[in-house]
Structure formats: structure tokens, C-alpha cells
Amino acid sequence: MSRLVVAVSQSHTKHTLADTLAALEQTARTAASRGVHILLFPEAYLGGYPRQATFGTRIGSREAYGRDQFLEYFNGAVDLGDTPTGAGDDWVEKKLPLPKGKQYRGDGTRETLERISNETGILIVVGLIERAGGSLYCSAVYVDPKRGVLGKRRKVMPTASERLVWAQGSPSTLKAVTTEINGVQLTLAAAICWENYMPLLRQSLYSQNVNLYFAPTADSRDTWLPLMRTIALEGRTIVLSANQSGRYKDLPDWVTGVVKKEKVDYDPEAWVTGGGSCIVGPLGEVLAEPIWNVNGDTDPDASLQIAEVDFDDCVRGRLDFDAAGSYSRNDSFILKVEGLDLNPPPL
């Protein structure tokens, strides 16, 4: 048995974290009813991608209302509590005991995700904005239905103006995770949005024998699909990519309020991001075509893209190309990642 049903959810962030978690649970339960084993949600789904937000900044100056924007964004982010670095067994082992007198770590989001995953039987990967100390990180967590959260990725290089509000994550979080779903052995990892344009970062994942590659994103351009097909071919891996799709009216009030303040004309019904979520097989074949201007509010069935995949195809593809093995000429080219052991785990 090497076949699983995988899915990507083209959702959009609701106006509160509680509402978004409720929507995530509804989507997961719908996916479970359709036989899904693995489900990916978009970048920054929990906490929100701050699309159209300026935070009142220009080079050399900041407006006071921008600091209020950041306060709203910070308070709406996820607190995962005291979590270990990287991924793997430490996450499972350190889940208990809880701090004295507490029912959960952080704000309870981690435990909510673990409950949803356990009750639906689905491996859930979700992008979120994480607050830790005084900083925000663009992160993703892997939630196993039996073992709970297995690890956390923090985006190592925020893109363009994202750098203003998101800190740089540690490259140690690029560690792949191994688990078993429905009898199928998986080695999985995630690259977040434009991290996928970083060749050495991609190679750091291929070098760990990844056969399931997650690419939560905020990129809704038609150039995204060719990149996903390239990654699938390079890594001989199954690629899942999920993006949000939403209208201007779906943006949080703290964003639209400033857009109005800056006297930018916009149509509340216009789509501010179109989506383009997709699933690609390990030889570059598109298993679920990108969809546009669709989300769970407009078409719940279409916004959940589903494909059955055969993980043995990842090995079949290595007949003629193996980015983590002999084809990579590890005797001639050496990649070192600070804080990360690239000795590949077995498939």
C-alpha cells in the first residue's frame, strides 16, 4: 500500500483567529468525509497575510497609525508557547507535562490543531503567523493525527516588505519530518512562498530524501505553477501548494481602515488575491490544476482540491534522477546548512 489521498485548501483568513480555526476545522471534517489523508492550508492562514497593509512606512519615516496596525497584527498572531527548535521527536516528547496550572501551552492553538487532526485522522500542515518574544515569524506546523505536532518551520527569508514585520527564522527548522500515515512512510518538509525560489534551500530539503513537499504560498501569479512542477521534477517528490483567495472585503478591518485612510480607491467585491493552489506529481505531472477566484465561501467543494497519489512514484522517478543521491555528485558538491544535519533519513 503506497497510495494516499492528498488535498490543498484554498481558504482565506477570517477576521479573528477563533473564526479561522473554526473554518479550518470545518474544512478538515469535509476533507475527512471525502477520504483525505493529508491536507495543506495556505501561508499565514492563521494570523493572516498582511496583504495591502503598509504599516505606515516609507524609507526613513514611520506613521503613528502604522504602529497601531502592527499592534493589531501582533495581537492576532498565534502563540505556540514554549516549543523546541526544529522538528521530530522532541516535539512529541516535550508536549507533556504542561506548565503548572495550565491546560495548554501558548494560546491553545497547538492543542486545537492536534484535536482536529486526531478527530479527523488527517495529517494537517498549516501556515501561521507566530508571535514569540517581541517578534513575528511566518511559520508552518506539521500536525500528525496520532502524535500531535511534529515540528515547526519558520521562514528563513521574508520577502520584500514582509521583512519589516516578520523576523528571520532559523535554518535548523528546515529539518524534515518522518511519519507514517495509513501504512505509508513519509518524509515531509515545507518551503514557504518565495523560499521556493532559493535553490540551496530547495536542495537542503531534497538532501533529506523528502517524498512529500509542502509549498504554502501567497504568490498568485501564473508563474507559480511552473516552479512547482520544477520542484516536483528536481526532488522526485509530490508537491502540494496552497494559497489564499479572497476579496478586499475579506481583509481585516485594521487593513481596510488604513487603505481608506490613505484614500486608495478599491472595490470591496474585487479579488485582491486569486489563489492558484495546485498538486503536482513527482514527474512534474499536474494532478490538480490551479484554481482562481474561488474559496470556501464561494464554492466549498471546488476550493478543496483533492488527488490520489502513489508514493512509490517518487522512487520510480529516481531511476534516472536523484537530487539527494548519486546524481547530485555529493563527492564534488557539498551543501552545509547551519544547525541542520543533512544526512538523509531513510524513505
Protein backbone atom coordinates (compact mmCIF):
# COMPACT_ATOMS: atom_id res chain seq x y z
CA MET A 1 0.00 0.00 0.00
CA SER A 2 1.62 3.23 -1.15
CA ARG A 3 -1.36 5.35 -2.16
CA LEU A 4 -2.86 8.23 -0.18
CA VAL A 5 -5.43 10.94 -0.85
CA VAL A 6 -3.97 14.44 -0.52
CA ALA A 7 -5.64 17.84 -0.64
CA VAL A 8 -4.99 21.57 -0.63
CA SER A 9 -7.44 24.10 0.77
CA GLN A 10 -7.77 27.44 -1.00
CA SER A 11 -9.09 29.20 2.10
CA HIS A 12 -8.85 32.77 3.31
CA THR A 13 -8.20 34.08 6.80
CA LYS A 14 -11.29 35.11 8.74
CA HIS A 15 -11.48 38.26 10.83
CA THR A 16 -10.45 36.55 14.08
CA LEU A 17 -8.15 33.66 14.95
CA ALA A 18 -11.06 31.80 16.57
CA ASP A 19 -13.15 32.13 13.41
CA THR A 20 -10.26 30.94 11.25
CA LEU A 21 -9.69 27.90 13.45
CA ALA A 22 -13.40 27.11 13.21
CA ALA A 23 -13.22 27.35 9.42
CA LEU A 24 -10.12 25.13 9.40
CA GLU A 25 -11.98 22.51 11.42
CA GLN A 26 -14.95 22.59 9.07
CA THR A 27 -12.66 22.19 6.07
CA ALA A 28 -10.80 19.31 7.72
CA ARG A 29 -14.03 17.50 8.53
CA THR A 30 -15.25 17.96 4.95
CA ALA A 31 -11.91 16.63 3.69
CA ALA A 32 -12.17 13.61 6.01
CA SER A 33 -15.62 12.82 4.63
CA ARG A 34 -14.02 12.70 1.16
CA GLY A 35 -11.30 10.29 2.21
CA VAL A 36 -8.42 12.77 2.53
CA HIS A 37 -5.33 11.68 4.48
CA ILE A 38 -3.15 14.82 4.13
CA LEU A 39 -4.33 18.44 3.98
CA LEU A 40 -2.39 21.68 3.40
CA PHE A 41 -3.60 25.17 4.26
CA PRO A 42 -2.03 28.39 2.86
CA GLU A 43 0.80 30.56 4.10
CA ALA A 44 -0.18 32.71 7.09
CA TYR A 45 -3.68 31.20 7.15
CA LEU A 46 -3.79 31.52 10.94
CA GLY A 47 -2.92 35.09 11.89
CA GLY A 48 -3.30 36.37 8.35
CA TYR A 49 -1.13 37.51 5.47
CA PRO A 50 -0.99 41.33 5.79
CA ARG A 51 -1.85 41.97 2.14
CA GLN A 52 -2.26 45.68 1.28
CA ALA A 53 -1.02 46.73 4.73
CA THR A 54 1.64 49.44 4.62
CA PHE A 55 2.20 49.72 8.40
CA GLY A 56 2.57 53.44 7.74
CA THR A 57 6.12 53.10 6.48
CA ARG A 58 8.32 54.85 3.99
CA ILE A 59 12.08 54.62 3.92
CA GLY A 60 13.22 57.00 6.63
CA SER A 61 9.84 57.54 8.29
CA ARG A 62 7.00 55.77 10.09
CA GLU A 63 3.47 57.00 10.75
CA ALA A 64 1.84 56.51 14.14
CA TYR A 65 -1.15 54.68 12.65
CA GLY A 66 1.27 52.09 11.26
CA ARG A 67 2.32 51.18 14.79
CA ASP A 68 -1.35 50.68 15.63
CA GLN A 69 -1.60 48.40 12.62
CA PHE A 70 1.33 46.35 13.85
CA LEU A 71 -0.23 46.13 17.32
CA GLU A 72 -3.43 44.68 15.82
CA TYR A 73 -1.44 42.25 13.69
CA PHE A 74 0.76 41.16 16.59
CA ASN A 75 -2.20 40.57 18.91
CA GLY A 76 -3.94 38.48 16.26
CA ALA A 77 -0.96 36.15 15.78
CA VAL A 78 -0.59 32.64 17.19
CA ASP A 79 1.23 31.90 20.44
CA LEU A 80 2.53 28.32 20.31
CA GLY A 81 4.06 28.59 23.76
CA ASP A 82 7.43 27.20 24.76
CA THR A 83 8.27 24.89 21.85
CA PRO A 84 11.55 23.15 20.95
CA THR A 85 13.51 24.09 17.86
CA GLY A 86 13.44 22.16 14.63
CA ALA A 87 11.21 19.13 14.31
CA GLY A 88 10.88 15.49 15.21
CA ASP A 89 10.73 13.51 18.44
CA ASP A 90 11.48 16.46 20.72
CA TRP A 91 8.12 17.95 19.81
CA VAL A 92 6.31 14.80 20.78
CA GLU A 93 8.31 14.19 23.93
CA LYS A 94 8.07 17.76 25.19
CA LYS A 95 4.32 18.06 24.70
CA LEU A 96 3.83 16.99 28.33
CA PRO A 97 3.98 17.83 31.14
CA LEU A 98 2.26 21.17 30.76
CA PRO A 99 3.35 24.14 32.82
CA LYS A 100 1.89 24.00 36.32
CA GLY A 101 -1.68 25.24 36.45
CA LYS A 102 -2.08 25.44 32.66
CA GLN A 103 -4.29 23.40 30.34
CA TYR A 104 -2.20 24.16 27.29
CA ARG A 105 0.91 25.92 26.07
CA GLY A 106 0.61 29.36 24.49
CA ASP A 107 -2.90 30.38 23.46
CA GLY A 108 -4.20 26.83 22.88
CA THR A 109 -3.89 26.89 19.08
CA ARG A 110 -1.43 23.99 19.12
CA GLU A 111 -3.80 21.82 21.15
CA THR A 112 -6.77 22.80 18.95
CA LEU A 113 -4.91 21.73 15.83
CA GLU A 114 -3.90 18.47 17.47
CA ARG A 115 -7.51 17.75 18.42
CA ILE A 116 -8.78 18.44 14.89
CA SER A 117 -6.08 16.28 13.36
CA ASN A 118 -6.77 13.44 15.77
CA GLU A 119 -10.55 13.54 15.35
CA THR A 120 -10.40 13.66 11.55
CA GLY A 121 -7.44 11.31 11.14
CA ILE A 122 -5.79 13.82 8.78
CA LEU A 123 -2.18 14.97 8.74
CA ILE A 124 -2.62 18.75 8.71
CA VAL A 125 0.00 21.28 7.62
CA VAL A 126 -0.95 24.91 8.13
CA GLY A 127 0.76 28.24 7.66
CA LEU A 128 0.54 30.66 10.57
CA ILE A 129 1.92 33.90 11.92
CA GLU A 130 3.66 33.09 15.18
CA ARG A 131 4.48 35.58 17.89
CA ALA A 132 7.45 34.84 20.11
CA GLY A 133 9.03 37.41 22.35
CA GLY A 134 8.60 40.73 20.58
CA SER A 135 8.83 39.31 17.05
CA LEU A 136 6.54 37.73 14.48
CA TYR A 137 7.53 34.75 12.35
CA CYS A 138 5.92 33.34 9.24
CA SER A 139 5.72 29.68 10.20
CA ALA A 140 4.14 26.36 9.35
CA VAL A 141 3.39 23.41 11.63
CA TYR A 142 3.07 19.70 10.86
CA VAL A 143 0.24 18.06 12.83
CA ASP A 144 0.12 14.26 12.94
CA PRO A 145 -3.22 12.65 13.85
CA LYS A 146 -1.62 10.21 16.31
CA ARG A 147 1.46 12.03 17.64
CA GLY A 148 0.37 15.66 17.54
CA VAL A 149 2.57 18.50 16.28
CA LEU A 150 5.77 17.01 14.90
CA GLY A 151 7.59 20.20 14.06
CA LYS A 152 7.57 23.82 13.05
CA ARG A 153 9.07 25.69 10.13
CA ARG A 154 9.99 29.35 10.38
CA LYS A 155 10.51 31.19 7.10
CA VAL A 156 14.22 31.94 6.90
CA MET A 157 13.97 34.86 4.47
CA PRO A 158 10.85 37.04 4.44
CA THR A 159 10.26 38.56 1.00
CA ALA A 160 10.42 42.28 0.19
CA SER A 161 8.35 44.37 2.64
CA GLU A 162 7.49 41.25 4.67
CA ARG A 163 10.91 41.84 6.25
CA LEU A 164 9.51 44.84 8.09
CA VAL A 165 7.09 42.77 10.18
CA TRP A 166 8.49 39.21 10.11
CA ALA A 167 11.76 38.11 11.70
CA GLN A 168 14.14 35.66 10.03
CA GLY A 169 13.68 32.06 11.11
CA SER A 170 16.46 29.65 11.97
CA PRO A 171 17.60 27.33 9.14
CA SER A 172 17.54 24.49 11.68
CA THR A 173 13.75 24.45 11.17
CA LEU A 174 14.35 23.11 7.65
CA LYS A 175 14.63 19.68 9.24
CA ALA A 176 12.41 17.11 7.52
CA VAL A 177 9.92 15.03 9.50
CA THR A 178 9.31 11.31 9.13
CA THR A 179 5.96 9.74 9.95
CA GLU A 180 3.54 7.07 8.79
CA ILE A 181 0.03 7.71 7.51
CA ASN A 182 -2.26 4.80 6.72
CA GLY A 183 0.73 2.50 6.39
CA VAL A 184 2.67 4.79 4.04
CA GLN A 185 6.11 6.01 5.15
CA LEU A 186 6.52 9.76 4.61
CA THR A 187 9.45 12.14 4.81
CA LEU A 188 7.98 15.61 4.61
CA ALA A 189 9.12 19.22 4.74
CA ALA A 190 7.92 22.68 3.76
CA ALA A 191 9.32 25.70 1.95
CA ILE A 192 7.23 28.82 2.43
CA CYS A 193 6.36 31.02 -0.57
CA TRP A 194 9.47 32.57 -2.15
CA GLU A 195 11.76 30.30 -0.19
CA ASN A 196 10.93 28.03 -3.11
CA TYR A 197 12.94 30.36 -5.37
CA MET A 198 16.07 29.70 -3.26
CA PRO A 199 17.96 26.81 -4.97
CA LEU A 200 20.15 25.95 -1.98
CA LEU A 201 17.16 25.88 0.34
CA ARG A 202 15.36 23.51 -2.03
CA GLN A 203 18.45 21.30 -2.14
CA SER A 204 18.55 21.21 1.66
CA LEU A 205 15.12 19.58 1.55
CA TYR A 206 15.91 17.23 -1.33
CA SER A 207 19.03 16.14 0.56
CA GLN A 208 16.80 14.75 3.30
CA ASN A 209 15.00 12.38 0.90
CA VAL A 210 11.72 14.26 1.05
CA ASN A 211 8.88 12.48 -0.75
CA LEU A 212 6.19 14.98 0.33
CA TYR A 213 6.97 18.66 -0.22
CA PHE A 214 4.67 21.42 1.04
CA ALA A 215 4.70 24.89 -0.51
CA PRO A 216 2.20 27.17 1.28
CA THR A 217 2.34 30.50 -0.51
CA ALA A 218 0.93 33.99 -1.07
CA ASP A 219 2.01 34.08 -4.74
CA SER A 220 -0.97 34.06 -7.09
CA ARG A 221 0.90 34.70 -10.33
CA ASP A 222 0.70 32.26 -13.23
CA THR A 223 4.47 31.74 -12.91
CA TRP A 224 3.95 29.76 -9.70
CA LEU A 225 2.81 26.51 -11.30
CA PRO A 226 5.98 26.12 -13.44
CA LEU A 227 8.05 26.47 -10.25
CA MET A 228 6.00 23.77 -8.50
CA ARG A 229 6.47 21.44 -11.48
CA THR A 230 10.22 22.12 -11.44
CA ILE A 231 10.44 21.27 -7.74
CA ALA A 232 8.50 18.05 -8.22
CA LEU A 233 10.84 17.04 -11.05
CA GLU A 234 14.00 18.10 -9.20
CA GLY A 235 13.11 16.38 -5.98
CA ARG A 236 11.13 13.45 -7.40
CA THR A 237 8.60 14.42 -4.77
CA ILE A 238 4.88 15.04 -4.50
CA VAL A 239 4.25 18.79 -4.18
CA LEU A 240 1.26 20.41 -2.50
CA SER A 241 0.84 24.18 -2.79
CA ALA A 242 -1.97 26.19 -1.18
CA ASN A 243 -2.67 29.91 -1.48
CA GLN A 244 -5.37 32.11 -0.08
CA SER A 245 -8.04 33.54 -2.34
CA GLY A 246 -10.10 36.48 -1.16
CA ARG A 247 -11.74 39.80 -1.93
CA TYR A 248 -10.93 43.20 -0.49
CA LYS A 249 -13.91 42.81 1.86
CA ASP A 250 -12.22 39.73 3.33
CA LEU A 251 -9.24 41.75 4.55
CA PRO A 252 -9.21 42.57 8.28
CA ASP A 253 -10.65 45.90 9.39
CA TRP A 254 -7.25 47.19 10.50
CA VAL A 255 -6.07 46.86 6.88
CA THR A 256 -9.09 48.23 5.07
CA GLY A 257 -9.35 51.10 7.55
CA VAL A 258 -5.87 52.26 6.63
CA VAL A 259 -6.49 51.71 2.92
CA LYS A 260 -9.40 54.12 3.25
CA LYS A 261 -7.28 56.49 5.35
CA GLU A 262 -4.68 56.58 2.58
CA LYS A 263 -7.51 57.34 0.13
CA VAL A 264 -6.89 54.32 -2.05
CA ASP A 265 -9.91 53.50 -4.20
CA TYR A 266 -10.90 49.86 -4.16
CA ASP A 267 -13.93 47.72 -4.85
CA PRO A 268 -14.85 45.58 -1.81
CA GLU A 269 -16.02 42.82 -4.18
CA ALA A 270 -12.81 42.79 -6.23
CA TRP A 271 -10.43 39.86 -5.74
CA VAL A 272 -7.24 41.01 -4.05
CA THR A 273 -5.64 37.57 -4.47
CA GLY A 274 -6.78 34.89 -6.87
CA GLY A 275 -5.28 31.74 -5.39
CA GLY A 276 -3.72 29.24 -7.79
CA SER A 277 -3.45 26.28 -5.38
CA CYS A 278 -2.30 23.05 -7.02
CA ILE A 279 -0.97 19.49 -6.62
CA VAL A 280 1.91 18.10 -8.70
CA GLY A 281 3.23 14.55 -9.02
CA PRO A 282 6.91 13.50 -8.82
CA LEU A 283 7.45 13.56 -12.59
CA GLY A 284 6.02 17.06 -12.90
CA GLU A 285 2.53 15.98 -13.87
CA VAL A 286 -0.19 18.37 -12.70
CA LEU A 287 -2.65 16.33 -10.63
CA ALA A 288 -4.82 19.29 -9.57
CA GLU A 289 -4.80 22.35 -11.80
CA PRO A 290 -4.62 25.82 -10.22
CA ILE A 291 -7.99 27.37 -9.48
CA TRP A 292 -8.66 31.11 -9.44
CA ASN A 293 -11.05 33.43 -7.59
CA VAL A 294 -12.54 30.56 -5.61
CA ASN A 295 -12.57 29.98 -1.87
CA GLY A 296 -14.59 28.17 0.76
CA ASP A 297 -17.16 30.97 0.86
CA THR A 298 -17.85 30.97 -2.88
CA ASP A 299 -17.52 27.26 -3.65
CA PRO A 300 -16.62 24.96 -0.73
CA ASP A 301 -16.32 21.89 -2.95
CA ALA A 302 -14.08 23.43 -5.61
CA SER A 303 -11.85 25.22 -3.08
CA LEU A 304 -10.80 21.84 -1.68
CA GLN A 305 -8.62 20.26 -4.38
CA ILE A 306 -8.08 16.54 -3.96
CA ALA A 307 -5.87 13.97 -5.68
CA GLU A 308 -4.94 10.36 -5.06
CA VAL A 309 -1.17 9.88 -5.27
CA ASP A 310 1.16 6.90 -5.31
CA PHE A 311 4.26 7.50 -3.20
CA ASP A 312 6.04 4.64 -4.95
CA ASP A 313 6.17 7.01 -7.96
CA CYS A 314 8.75 9.05 -6.04
CA VAL A 315 11.06 6.02 -6.05
CA ARG A 316 10.19 5.10 -9.63
CA GLY A 317 11.27 8.58 -10.67
CA ARG A 318 14.70 8.06 -9.12
CA LEU A 319 15.57 5.54 -11.79
CA ASP A 320 17.10 8.36 -13.83
CA PHE A 321 17.41 11.29 -11.39
CA ASP A 322 18.03 11.53 -7.65
CA ALA A 323 18.77 15.01 -6.33
CA ALA A 324 19.70 13.60 -2.92
CA GLY A 325 21.80 10.67 -4.13
CA SER A 326 24.31 9.72 -6.77
CA TYR A 327 23.05 12.20 -9.37
CA SER A 328 23.84 15.10 -7.04
CA ARG A 329 27.56 14.23 -7.05
CA ASN A 330 27.97 14.65 -3.32
CA ASP A 331 31.63 13.82 -3.78
CA SER A 332 32.06 17.08 -5.73
CA PHE A 333 29.41 19.44 -4.39
CA ILE A 334 28.87 19.95 -0.67
CA LEU A 335 25.97 21.83 0.91
CA LYS A 336 26.18 22.84 4.56
CA VAL A 337 23.25 24.35 6.46
CA GLU A 338 23.95 25.90 9.84
CA GLY A 339 22.23 23.93 12.59
CA LEU A 340 20.91 21.20 10.26
CA ASP A 341 22.17 17.66 9.70
CA LEU A 342 21.69 16.83 6.02
CA ASN A 343 22.34 13.12 6.41
CA PRO A 344 19.15 11.87 4.78
CA PRO A 345 16.73 9.73 6.77
CA PRO A 346 15.59 6.52 5.07
CA LEU A 347 12.45 6.65 2.94
